Amino acid sequence: MEKKLQQTIGFWTAITIVIGTIIGSGVFVKPSVVLNHAGSSNMAIWAWVVGGILTLAAGLTIAEVGAQIPKTGGLYAYIRDIYGSFWGFLTGWVQTVIYGPAIIASLTLFFGILISNFFNLNQSTGVWIGIAALTFLVLLNIVGTSLGGAMQNITTIAKLIPVFAIIVFGLLWGKAPIFNQDVSNLIVQKDQINFGRAVLATLFAYDGWIMLTNLTGEMKNAKRNLPLAMLVGLSVVTLAYVFINIAVFHVIPAETLVGLGNTSSAEAAKVLFGDLGSKFVNIGVIISIFGCLNGKIMTFPRVPFAMADDKLLPLSGPISYINPKTKTPVGALVIVYILGLLLVLLTLLIPSVVNADYLSEICIFIIYVFYIMAFIGLFLLRKRTKGTARSYSVPLYPIVPLVAILGGLFIIISTLQSDFLGALYSIIIVLVGIPFYFMLKNKQRNV
């Protein structure tokens, strides 16, 4: 029997979760990276548009699946209900053991680095600041999901202020030409110029679009609010990404932008608002990372919670524990905190062996395999529920789900081409989970 979490997440909080779990540092640091792959301002802007369309198609497709399976655990619950507990377990296994902790560890370390750089502190002090932020946010979400939601609302609004400031004032005050700026002759490594790689770079910035679905069981009127929040949230993110790039091109000439690396938005703000502008953007990035970390802490624990509720994790009893007063999944929040903290420490102790950023990147390959299974699952669900009224239907069916599937295949093929060894590692992580599944199922049968 599924344990119930309190339905405290309203429509507007759901939107801020979508926006907040996607927008981290990518909106501020990726313009130059994408331009280096695109070779021209036109193709760079198109890469952001295409990335947004692929992400929106994926989000709208998953929203129909989520409306038909409005359960806590998101992708884990969808794969489990469509394909069975074996495939559901493998989905949740990757998210719980590696993907979630790696992303949380990366954000924790990055937040600490940004704070230490901003205040000229020792790097070791920054690590402890990051761990303190992680601990604070976990405790906040233990005290109440509504508090975590309030934090998400505040940080999302705060992080959008510098984004919109650069867009508005960049478009008004910028003097550099935006379109038809070819910089291919300035790029030293010509093999980097590839529109597919440019789109792939934007898709890393759009990553996190599915996180809201983990909280479906805690949403008010999920069948209506999940699809609407996906549509509004992903549309806002896409427009923000496209227009901040247009604004940056208008402020900084493309031939200058191509060599700026990860400082493009800060440099644009510096041109617009002086030295105070770059500090303004740096504060925006810090808030953005903090809010993104809060969003991940809100959403990732729902996967081990749902798995433990199905008795598909060791220590399922403690992990599925819900605080009777706050109605928060305390056990799942604690286990995600422990795994994230462990990875932070391992990254510091043996950096040559454990790299949280790389672990999260290689897992994207296998996560997209499960995404594609969920996209295909929509067709299976429609077949199973033929003649039944739906609270939400994906627009332009079957075109939108097919676009989502093609986008997923694009990421998988691109990853195989660019990092075959990393893709192999992620497959090994999945295979390691198989004996655990059969051990846990056997334990269930013997109880």
Protein backbone atom coordinates (compact mmCIF):
# COMPACT_ATOMS: atom_id res chain seq x y z
CA MET A 1 0.00 0.00 0.00
CA GLU A 2 1.43 3.36 -1.04
CA LYS A 3 2.24 5.72 1.82
CA LYS A 4 0.74 9.15 1.28
CA LEU A 5 2.63 12.43 1.47
CA GLN A 6 0.75 15.65 2.13
CA GLN A 7 -0.46 17.54 -0.95
CA THR A 8 1.08 20.95 -0.26
CA ILE A 9 2.47 21.95 -3.68
CA GLY A 10 0.29 24.42 -5.53
CA PHE A 11 0.38 25.55 -9.15
CA TRP A 12 2.79 28.50 -8.73
CA THR A 13 5.23 26.53 -6.59
CA ALA A 14 5.13 23.78 -9.24
CA ILE A 15 6.13 26.35 -11.88
CA THR A 16 9.04 27.63 -9.77
CA ILE A 17 10.21 24.03 -9.25
CA VAL A 18 10.29 23.50 -13.03
CA ILE A 19 12.19 26.77 -13.59
CA GLY A 20 14.37 26.47 -10.49
CA THR A 21 15.55 22.90 -11.09
CA ILE A 22 16.54 23.73 -14.69
CA ILE A 23 18.16 27.15 -14.34
CA GLY A 24 21.44 26.68 -12.50
CA SER A 25 24.57 28.22 -13.93
CA GLY A 26 23.95 27.27 -17.59
CA VAL A 27 22.05 30.43 -18.49
CA PHE A 28 25.03 32.51 -17.32
CA VAL A 29 27.98 30.46 -18.58
CA LYS A 30 26.84 28.63 -21.73
CA PRO A 31 26.45 31.41 -24.39
CA SER A 32 30.15 31.33 -25.35
CA VAL A 33 30.33 27.52 -25.20
CA VAL A 34 27.35 27.13 -27.56
CA LEU A 35 28.74 29.80 -29.92
CA ASN A 36 32.04 27.89 -30.13
CA HIS A 37 30.16 24.82 -31.33
CA ALA A 38 27.72 26.72 -33.57
CA GLY A 39 30.27 28.89 -35.41
CA SER A 40 27.91 31.84 -35.89
CA SER A 41 25.44 33.90 -33.87
CA ASN A 42 22.50 32.72 -36.01
CA MET A 43 23.25 29.03 -35.50
CA ALA A 44 23.93 29.58 -31.77
CA ILE A 45 20.50 31.17 -31.29
CA TRP A 46 18.90 28.37 -33.32
CA ALA A 47 20.65 25.81 -31.11
CA TRP A 48 18.97 27.32 -28.02
CA VAL A 49 15.60 27.34 -29.83
CA VAL A 50 15.94 23.70 -30.95
CA GLY A 51 17.08 22.65 -27.46
CA GLY A 52 14.03 24.37 -25.99
CA ILE A 53 11.65 22.73 -28.49
CA LEU A 54 13.07 19.26 -27.76
CA THR A 55 12.81 19.87 -24.01
CA LEU A 56 9.27 21.24 -24.29
CA ALA A 57 8.22 18.22 -26.37
CA ALA A 58 9.70 15.91 -23.71
CA GLY A 59 8.01 17.81 -20.89
CA LEU A 60 4.56 17.86 -22.53
CA THR A 61 4.84 14.14 -23.32
CA ILE A 62 5.85 13.20 -19.79
CA ALA A 63 3.09 15.45 -18.44
CA GLU A 64 0.44 13.22 -20.06
CA VAL A 65 2.12 10.12 -18.63
CA GLY A 66 2.22 11.84 -15.23
CA ALA A 67 -1.43 12.88 -15.46
CA GLN A 68 -2.34 9.22 -16.07
CA ILE A 69 0.02 7.96 -13.33
CA PRO A 70 -0.19 10.74 -10.69
CA LYS A 71 2.15 9.06 -8.20
CA THR A 72 5.21 10.08 -6.20
CA GLY A 73 8.52 9.04 -7.76
CA GLY A 74 8.14 10.45 -11.25
CA LEU A 75 10.07 8.49 -13.86
CA TYR A 76 10.52 5.53 -11.49
CA ALA A 77 6.74 5.26 -10.99
CA TYR A 78 6.01 5.63 -14.72
CA ILE A 79 8.48 2.95 -15.83
CA ARG A 80 7.34 0.64 -13.01
CA ASP A 81 3.65 0.96 -13.88
CA ILE A 82 4.17 0.67 -17.64
CA TYR A 83 6.94 -1.95 -17.89
CA GLY A 84 6.98 -3.66 -14.47
CA SER A 85 9.01 -3.50 -11.25
CA PHE A 86 12.29 -4.74 -12.81
CA TRP A 87 12.64 -1.81 -15.19
CA GLY A 88 11.24 0.56 -12.57
CA PHE A 89 13.90 -0.58 -10.11
CA LEU A 90 16.73 -0.01 -12.60
CA THR A 91 15.41 3.50 -13.30
CA GLY A 92 15.26 4.34 -9.61
CA TRP A 93 18.58 2.60 -8.92
CA VAL A 94 20.51 4.92 -11.27
CA GLN A 95 18.73 8.01 -9.92
CA THR A 96 19.19 7.06 -6.26
CA VAL A 97 22.69 5.59 -6.18
CA ILE A 98 24.58 7.80 -8.67
CA TYR A 99 22.68 10.43 -10.66
CA GLY A 100 20.92 12.26 -7.80
CA PRO A 101 23.85 12.23 -5.34
CA ALA A 102 26.28 13.29 -8.10
CA ILE A 103 24.18 16.31 -9.07
CA ILE A 104 23.67 17.28 -5.42
CA ALA A 105 27.41 16.90 -4.71
CA SER A 106 28.31 18.98 -7.79
CA LEU A 107 25.94 21.80 -6.82
CA THR A 108 27.15 21.70 -3.20
CA LEU A 109 30.80 22.03 -4.23
CA PHE A 110 30.05 24.64 -6.91
CA PHE A 111 28.06 26.76 -4.43
CA GLY A 112 30.95 26.65 -1.94
CA ILE A 113 33.47 27.62 -4.65
CA LEU A 114 31.32 30.58 -5.78
CA ILE A 115 30.90 31.86 -2.22
CA SER A 116 34.61 31.53 -1.44
CA ASN A 117 35.54 33.31 -4.69
CA PHE A 118 33.03 36.10 -4.13
CA PHE A 119 34.31 36.84 -0.61
CA ASN A 120 37.97 35.93 -1.33
CA LEU A 121 37.90 33.07 1.16
CA ASN A 122 40.09 29.97 1.31
CA GLN A 123 38.86 27.17 -0.98
CA SER A 124 38.69 24.74 1.97
CA THR A 125 36.35 27.18 3.73
CA GLY A 126 34.16 27.16 0.62
CA VAL A 127 33.73 23.39 0.88
CA TRP A 128 32.36 23.70 4.40
CA ILE A 129 30.07 26.55 3.30
CA GLY A 130 28.70 24.24 0.58
CA ILE A 131 28.16 21.42 3.07
CA ALA A 132 26.46 23.87 5.47
CA ALA A 133 24.12 24.98 2.66
CA LEU A 134 23.30 21.36 1.82
CA THR A 135 22.61 20.57 5.49
CA PHE A 136 20.43 23.67 5.93
CA LEU A 137 18.30 22.88 2.87
CA VAL A 138 17.82 19.23 3.88
CA LEU A 139 16.71 20.33 7.37
CA LEU A 140 14.39 22.94 5.84
CA ASN A 141 12.72 20.29 3.67
CA ILE A 142 12.47 17.92 6.65
CA VAL A 143 10.65 20.60 8.65
CA GLY A 144 8.12 21.00 5.84
CA THR A 145 7.72 20.61 2.09
CA SER A 146 5.87 23.92 2.08
CA LEU A 147 9.01 25.61 3.47
CA GLY A 148 11.10 24.02 0.73
CA GLY A 149 8.50 25.27 -1.75
CA ALA A 150 8.65 28.79 -0.31
CA MET A 151 12.45 28.76 -0.63
CA GLN A 152 12.04 27.63 -4.24
CA ASN A 153 9.64 30.49 -4.96
CA ILE A 154 12.02 33.08 -3.45
CA THR A 155 15.21 31.81 -5.11
CA THR A 156 13.54 31.37 -8.53
CA ILE A 157 12.26 34.95 -8.53
CA ALA A 158 15.67 36.19 -7.30
CA LYS A 159 17.62 34.26 -9.96
CA LEU A 160 15.38 35.57 -12.74
CA ILE A 161 16.06 39.22 -11.81
CA PRO A 162 19.62 39.35 -13.28
CA VAL A 163 18.46 37.24 -16.26
CA PHE A 164 15.68 39.68 -17.13
CA ALA A 165 17.92 42.69 -16.35
CA ILE A 166 20.47 41.52 -18.92
CA ILE A 167 17.69 40.78 -21.45
CA VAL A 168 15.86 44.12 -21.08
CA PHE A 169 18.85 46.44 -20.83
CA GLY A 170 20.92 44.40 -23.27
CA LEU A 171 18.23 44.74 -25.93
CA LEU A 172 17.74 48.45 -25.15
CA TRP A 173 21.36 49.56 -24.77
CA GLY A 174 23.31 47.02 -26.80
CA LYS A 175 25.00 48.23 -29.98
CA ALA A 176 26.68 45.14 -31.41
CA PRO A 177 25.01 43.37 -34.35
CA ILE A 178 23.06 40.29 -33.22
CA PHE A 179 22.57 38.23 -36.36
CA ASN A 180 24.80 37.01 -39.22
CA GLN A 181 28.00 37.14 -37.16
CA ASP A 182 30.28 34.36 -38.42
CA VAL A 183 33.13 33.49 -36.03
CA SER A 184 34.16 30.13 -37.51
CA ASN A 185 37.53 31.61 -38.60
CA LEU A 186 38.28 32.50 -34.95
CA ILE A 187 37.71 28.98 -33.60
CA VAL A 188 41.04 27.17 -33.43
CA GLN A 189 39.65 23.62 -33.28
CA LYS A 190 37.49 23.48 -36.41
CA ASP A 191 36.19 20.01 -35.54
CA GLN A 192 34.35 21.63 -32.61
CA ILE A 193 32.03 23.43 -35.03
CA ASN A 194 29.01 21.16 -35.19
CA PHE A 195 25.35 22.21 -34.83
CA GLY A 196 24.53 18.90 -33.14
CA ARG A 197 27.15 19.54 -30.46
CA ALA A 198 25.79 23.08 -30.02
CA VAL A 199 22.28 21.70 -29.41
CA LEU A 200 23.70 19.06 -27.06
CA ALA A 201 25.41 21.83 -25.04
CA THR A 202 22.06 23.61 -24.66
CA LEU A 203 20.33 20.37 -23.60
CA PHE A 204 22.74 20.09 -20.65
CA ALA A 205 21.55 23.58 -19.65
CA TYR A 206 17.91 22.43 -20.01
CA ASP A 207 18.54 19.30 -17.88
CA GLY A 208 16.27 19.01 -14.83
CA TRP A 209 13.00 19.50 -16.73
CA ILE A 210 11.54 16.23 -15.38
CA MET A 211 12.20 16.84 -11.67
CA LEU A 212 8.72 18.18 -10.89
CA THR A 213 7.21 14.78 -11.73
CA ASN A 214 8.92 13.29 -8.64
CA LEU A 215 6.54 15.38 -6.55
CA THR A 216 3.34 14.50 -8.42
CA GLY A 217 1.88 12.73 -5.37
CA GLU A 218 2.28 15.95 -3.34
CA MET A 219 0.73 18.29 -5.89
CA LYS A 220 -2.72 19.77 -5.51
CA ASN A 221 -4.86 18.71 -8.48
CA ALA A 222 -1.85 17.05 -10.14
CA LYS A 223 -3.77 15.92 -13.23
CA ARG A 224 -4.37 19.57 -14.13
CA ASN A 225 -1.42 21.37 -12.54
CA LEU A 226 1.41 19.06 -13.67
CA PRO A 227 0.85 19.62 -17.43
CA LEU A 228 0.17 23.35 -16.97
CA ALA A 229 3.23 23.87 -14.77
CA MET A 230 5.37 21.98 -17.30
CA LEU A 231 4.06 24.11 -20.17
CA VAL A 232 4.47 27.45 -18.39
CA GLY A 233 7.78 26.61 -16.68
CA LEU A 234 9.49 25.19 -19.76
CA SER A 235 8.22 28.07 -21.92
CA VAL A 236 9.66 30.63 -19.46
CA VAL A 237 13.02 28.80 -19.39
CA THR A 238 13.20 28.53 -23.19
CA LEU A 239 12.35 32.22 -23.69
CA ALA A 240 14.84 33.24 -20.98
CA TYR A 241 17.62 31.16 -22.58
CA VAL A 242 16.96 32.38 -26.12
CA PHE A 243 16.57 36.06 -25.24
CA ILE A 244 19.53 36.27 -22.85
CA ASN A 245 21.69 34.93 -25.70
CA ILE A 246 20.26 37.49 -28.11
CA ALA A 247 20.90 40.22 -25.50
CA VAL A 248 24.47 39.04 -24.87
CA PHE A 249 25.17 39.11 -28.64
CA HIS A 250 23.77 42.66 -28.73
CA VAL A 251 26.10 43.78 -25.93
CA ILE A 252 29.29 41.86 -26.76
CA PRO A 253 30.42 41.40 -30.40
CA ALA A 254 30.44 37.73 -31.41
CA GLU A 255 34.18 37.83 -32.19
CA THR A 256 34.81 38.88 -28.56
CA LEU A 257 32.22 36.53 -27.07
CA VAL A 258 33.78 33.46 -28.68
CA GLY A 259 36.84 33.75 -26.45
CA LEU A 260 35.14 34.53 -23.14
CA GLY A 261 34.52 30.98 -21.92
CA ASN A 262 32.29 30.82 -18.84
CA THR A 263 32.18 34.56 -18.13
CA SER A 264 29.96 35.75 -21.02
CA SER A 265 26.89 36.88 -19.05
CA ALA A 266 29.05 38.48 -16.33
CA GLU A 267 30.98 40.38 -19.01
CA ALA A 268 27.71 41.52 -20.61
CA ALA A 269 26.51 42.78 -17.23
CA LYS A 270 29.84 44.54 -16.70
CA VAL A 271 29.44 46.37 -20.03
CA LEU A 272 25.86 47.32 -19.14
CA PHE A 273 26.22 48.18 -15.45
CA GLY A 274 29.97 48.52 -14.78
CA ASP A 275 31.92 46.50 -12.18
CA LEU A 276 28.79 46.40 -10.05
CA GLY A 277 27.10 44.55 -12.92
CA SER A 278 29.47 41.59 -12.86
CA LYS A 279 29.01 41.34 -9.08
CA PHE A 280 25.26 41.50 -9.66
CA VAL A 281 25.47 38.53 -12.03
CA ASN A 282 27.79 36.63 -9.67
CA ILE A 283 25.22 37.06 -6.88
CA GLY A 284 22.57 35.88 -9.34
CA VAL A 285 24.61 32.75 -10.10
CA ILE A 286 25.09 32.06 -6.37
CA ILE A 287 21.34 32.38 -5.72
CA SER A 288 20.65 30.33 -8.84
CA ILE A 289 22.85 27.45 -7.66
CA PHE A 290 21.38 27.64 -4.14
CA GLY A 291 17.83 27.49 -5.53
CA CYS A 292 18.74 24.70 -7.93
CA LEU A 293 20.23 22.70 -5.02
CA ASN A 294 17.02 23.24 -3.03
CA GLY A 295 14.97 22.01 -6.00
CA LYS A 296 17.06 18.85 -6.30
CA ILE A 297 16.76 18.22 -2.54
CA MET A 298 12.98 18.62 -2.81
CA THR A 299 12.63 16.26 -5.75
CA PHE A 300 15.32 13.54 -5.72
CA PRO A 301 14.37 11.98 -2.32
CA ARG A 302 10.92 11.12 -3.70
CA VAL A 303 12.54 8.42 -5.87
CA PRO A 304 14.10 6.39 -3.00
CA PHE A 305 10.93 7.07 -0.99
CA ALA A 306 8.76 5.47 -3.70
CA MET A 307 11.24 2.59 -4.13
CA ALA A 308 11.38 1.95 -0.37
CA ASP A 309 7.58 2.06 -0.26
CA ASP A 310 7.68 -0.78 -2.82
CA LYS A 311 10.27 -2.61 -0.63
CA LEU A 312 12.82 -2.28 -3.44
CA LEU A 313 15.64 -0.79 -1.36
CA PRO A 314 17.64 -2.11 1.59
CA LEU A 315 16.40 -0.53 4.86
CA SER A 316 13.06 0.17 3.15
CA GLY A 317 11.31 0.79 6.48
CA PRO A 318 13.50 3.68 7.64
CA ILE A 319 13.85 5.14 4.12
CA SER A 320 10.06 5.25 3.59
CA TYR A 321 9.49 6.85 7.02
CA ILE A 322 7.18 9.88 6.97
CA ASN A 323 7.21 12.36 9.86
CA PRO A 324 3.68 12.12 11.31
CA LYS A 325 3.62 15.87 12.11
CA THR A 326 5.23 17.45 9.06
CA LYS A 327 4.24 14.69 6.58
CA THR A 328 7.68 14.92 4.96
CA PRO A 329 9.70 11.89 3.74
CA VAL A 330 12.36 12.22 6.43
CA GLY A 331 14.01 8.84 5.79
CA ALA A 332 14.43 9.51 2.05
CA LEU A 333 15.76 13.04 2.66
CA VAL A 334 18.32 11.68 5.12
CA ILE A 335 19.52 8.92 2.77
CA VAL A 336 19.91 11.37 -0.14
CA TYR A 337 21.78 13.74 2.21
CA ILE A 338 24.13 10.94 3.33
CA LEU A 339 24.82 9.78 -0.26
CA GLY A 340 25.36 13.34 -1.48
CA LEU A 341 27.65 14.19 1.44
CA LEU A 342 29.60 10.95 0.95
CA LEU A 343 30.19 11.82 -2.69
CA VAL A 344 31.31 15.35 -1.74
CA LEU A 345 33.88 13.87 0.66
CA LEU A 346 35.05 11.26 -1.86
CA THR A 347 35.45 14.00 -4.48
CA LEU A 348 37.70 15.88 -2.05
CA LEU A 349 39.66 12.85 -0.80
CA ILE A 350 40.24 11.08 -4.12
CA PRO A 351 39.56 13.66 -6.88
CA SER A 352 41.46 11.61 -9.45
CA VAL A 353 39.01 8.71 -8.93
CA VAL A 354 35.69 10.39 -8.02
CA ASN A 355 34.42 13.35 -10.05
CA ALA A 356 30.81 14.27 -9.24
CA ASP A 357 30.38 16.37 -12.41
CA TYR A 358 31.54 13.50 -14.61
CA LEU A 359 29.38 10.96 -12.77
CA SER A 360 26.26 13.07 -13.33
CA GLU A 361 27.17 13.60 -17.01
CA ILE A 362 27.72 9.92 -17.81
CA CYS A 363 24.41 9.04 -16.16
CA ILE A 364 22.55 11.35 -18.56
CA PHE A 365 23.09 8.69 -21.25
CA ILE A 366 21.25 5.97 -19.33
CA ILE A 367 18.65 8.39 -17.92
CA TYR A 368 17.69 9.26 -21.49
CA VAL A 369 17.25 5.56 -22.27
CA PHE A 370 14.62 5.51 -19.52
CA TYR A 371 13.16 8.82 -20.77
CA ILE A 372 12.65 7.27 -24.22
CA MET A 373 11.00 4.26 -22.59
CA ALA A 374 8.60 6.67 -20.86
CA PHE A 375 7.92 8.56 -24.13
CA ILE A 376 7.12 5.25 -25.86
CA GLY A 377 5.11 4.35 -22.77
CA LEU A 378 2.65 7.12 -23.65
CA PHE A 379 1.63 5.17 -26.77
CA LEU A 380 1.26 2.02 -24.65
CA LEU A 381 -0.84 3.86 -22.06
CA ARG A 382 -3.16 5.27 -24.72
CA LYS A 383 -3.63 1.78 -26.12
CA ARG A 384 -4.42 0.38 -22.65
CA THR A 385 -6.81 3.17 -21.73
CA LYS A 386 -8.50 3.51 -25.13
CA GLY A 387 -11.97 5.03 -24.77
CA THR A 388 -11.19 6.46 -21.30
CA ALA A 389 -11.43 10.22 -20.80
CA ARG A 390 -8.10 11.95 -20.09
CA SER A 391 -7.62 15.03 -17.90
CA TYR A 392 -4.79 16.13 -20.22
CA SER A 393 -3.72 15.06 -23.69
CA VAL A 394 -0.39 16.05 -25.22
CA PRO A 395 -1.01 18.56 -28.04
CA LEU A 396 -0.35 17.57 -31.67
CA TYR A 397 -0.26 13.86 -30.82
CA PRO A 398 1.65 11.86 -32.09
CA ILE A 399 4.02 14.56 -33.43
CA VAL A 400 5.10 15.95 -30.03
CA PRO A 401 5.90 12.52 -28.47
CA LEU A 402 7.80 11.55 -31.65
CA VAL A 403 9.85 14.78 -31.42
CA ALA A 404 10.58 13.88 -27.77
CA ILE A 405 11.72 10.40 -28.81
CA LEU A 406 13.92 11.79 -31.60
CA GLY A 407 15.44 14.30 -29.15
CA GLY A 408 16.25 11.49 -26.72
CA LEU A 409 17.81 9.39 -29.49
CA PHE A 410 19.88 12.41 -30.54
CA ILE A 411 21.36 12.70 -27.03
CA ILE A 412 22.07 8.96 -26.81
CA ILE A 413 23.77 8.82 -30.24
CA SER A 414 25.73 12.04 -29.55
CA THR A 415 26.94 10.68 -26.21
CA LEU A 416 28.01 7.39 -27.79
CA GLN A 417 30.02 9.36 -30.35
CA SER A 418 31.59 11.83 -27.91
CA ASP A 419 32.07 9.66 -24.79
CA PHE A 420 31.61 5.97 -25.55
CA LEU A 421 33.55 4.96 -22.45
CA GLY A 422 31.33 7.12 -20.23
CA ALA A 423 28.22 5.53 -21.76
CA LEU A 424 29.73 2.12 -21.03
CA TYR A 425 30.33 3.11 -17.41
CA SER A 426 26.68 4.13 -17.02
CA ILE A 427 25.54 0.77 -18.44
CA ILE A 428 27.80 -0.99 -15.91
CA ILE A 429 26.14 1.03 -13.10
CA VAL A 430 22.76 -0.31 -14.28
CA LEU A 431 24.03 -3.90 -14.51
CA VAL A 432 25.38 -3.72 -10.95
CA GLY A 433 21.83 -3.02 -9.78
CA ILE A 434 20.35 -6.23 -11.27
CA PRO A 435 21.54 -8.65 -8.53
CA PHE A 436 20.25 -6.24 -5.88
CA TYR A 437 16.81 -6.32 -7.52
CA PHE A 438 16.58 -10.11 -7.45
CA MET A 439 17.95 -10.22 -3.89
CA LEU A 440 15.27 -7.77 -2.73
CA LYS A 441 12.48 -9.56 -4.61
CA ASN A 442 13.61 -12.86 -3.12
CA LYS A 443 13.56 -11.27 0.35
CA GLN A 444 9.97 -10.09 -0.32
CA ARG A 445 8.89 -13.63 -1.23
CA ASN A 446 10.47 -15.07 1.93
CA VAL A 447 8.77 -12.60 4.29
